[in-house]
């Protein structure tokens, strides 16, 4: 059975209580970019952790739409 989390609960899973607002913004960006899909305003815990792992592996890389050399 899947564990479903609210935005705040999901943020606590990836960040803990420190910088909670920052983690919430990060999750909202993942939703906006299509990397994480909520269902009825909730997130599957496994999806949150998998998305965080995926995003951590991307750190330091240029963004897809970033213009380089201009």
Protein backbone atom coordinates (compact mmCIF):
# COMPACT_ATOMS: atom_id res chain seq x y z
CA UNK A 1 0.00 0.00 0.00
CA UNK A 2 1.28 3.46 -0.91
CA UNK A 3 1.85 6.21 1.59
CA UNK A 4 0.34 9.51 0.48
CA UNK A 5 1.74 12.80 1.76
CA UNK A 6 0.64 16.41 1.83
CA UNK A 7 3.02 19.05 0.49
CA UNK A 8 4.32 19.80 3.98
CA UNK A 9 4.76 16.12 4.84
CA UNK A 10 6.61 15.53 1.57
CA UNK A 11 8.86 18.52 2.25
CA UNK A 12 9.69 17.15 5.70
CA UNK A 13 10.63 13.81 4.13
CA UNK A 14 13.24 15.40 1.90
CA UNK A 15 14.42 18.24 4.13
CA UNK A 16 13.44 17.66 7.73
CA UNK A 17 12.15 20.64 9.68
CA UNK A 18 15.04 22.88 8.63
CA UNK A 19 14.32 25.04 5.58
CA UNK A 20 10.85 23.60 5.18
CA UNK A 21 9.64 26.48 3.01
CA UNK A 22 12.56 25.90 0.64
CA UNK A 23 11.68 22.21 0.31
CA UNK A 24 8.04 23.08 -0.38
CA UNK A 25 9.11 25.44 -3.18
CA UNK A 26 11.35 22.73 -4.60
CA UNK A 27 8.45 20.26 -4.69
CA UNK A 28 6.22 22.85 -6.36
CA UNK A 29 8.89 23.33 -9.04
CA UNK A 30 9.01 19.57 -9.60
CA UNK A 31 5.24 19.56 -10.09
CA UNK A 32 5.38 22.53 -12.48
CA UNK A 33 8.11 20.86 -14.54
CA UNK A 34 6.19 17.58 -14.66
CA UNK A 35 8.79 15.61 -12.71
CA UNK A 36 6.37 14.88 -9.85
CA UNK A 37 2.65 14.31 -10.23
CA UNK A 38 0.27 14.82 -7.31
CA UNK A 39 -3.06 13.07 -7.03
CA UNK A 40 -5.80 15.06 -5.33
CA UNK A 41 -3.19 17.34 -3.79
CA UNK A 42 -1.15 14.50 -2.31
CA UNK A 43 2.12 12.91 -3.28
CA UNK A 44 3.13 9.27 -3.17
CA UNK A 45 6.08 9.00 -0.75
CA UNK A 46 8.06 6.73 -3.08
CA UNK A 47 7.61 9.22 -5.94
CA UNK A 48 8.84 12.11 -3.80
CA UNK A 49 11.97 10.23 -2.76
CA UNK A 50 12.65 9.01 -6.30
CA UNK A 51 12.25 12.52 -7.71
CA UNK A 52 14.56 13.94 -5.07
CA UNK A 53 17.19 11.33 -5.93
CA UNK A 54 16.84 12.10 -9.63
CA UNK A 55 17.16 15.84 -9.02
CA UNK A 56 20.20 15.42 -6.78
CA UNK A 57 21.95 13.56 -9.60
CA UNK A 58 21.23 16.51 -11.93
CA UNK A 59 22.80 19.17 -9.70
CA UNK A 60 25.48 21.19 -11.39
CA UNK A 61 24.21 20.49 -14.89
CA UNK A 62 22.88 23.29 -17.08
CA UNK A 63 19.12 23.58 -17.28
CA UNK A 64 17.44 22.23 -20.39
CA UNK A 65 16.32 25.64 -21.58
CA UNK A 66 19.28 27.69 -20.40
CA UNK A 67 20.95 29.72 -23.09
CA UNK A 68 24.68 29.25 -23.11
CA UNK A 69 27.09 31.76 -24.59
CA UNK A 70 24.78 34.75 -24.89
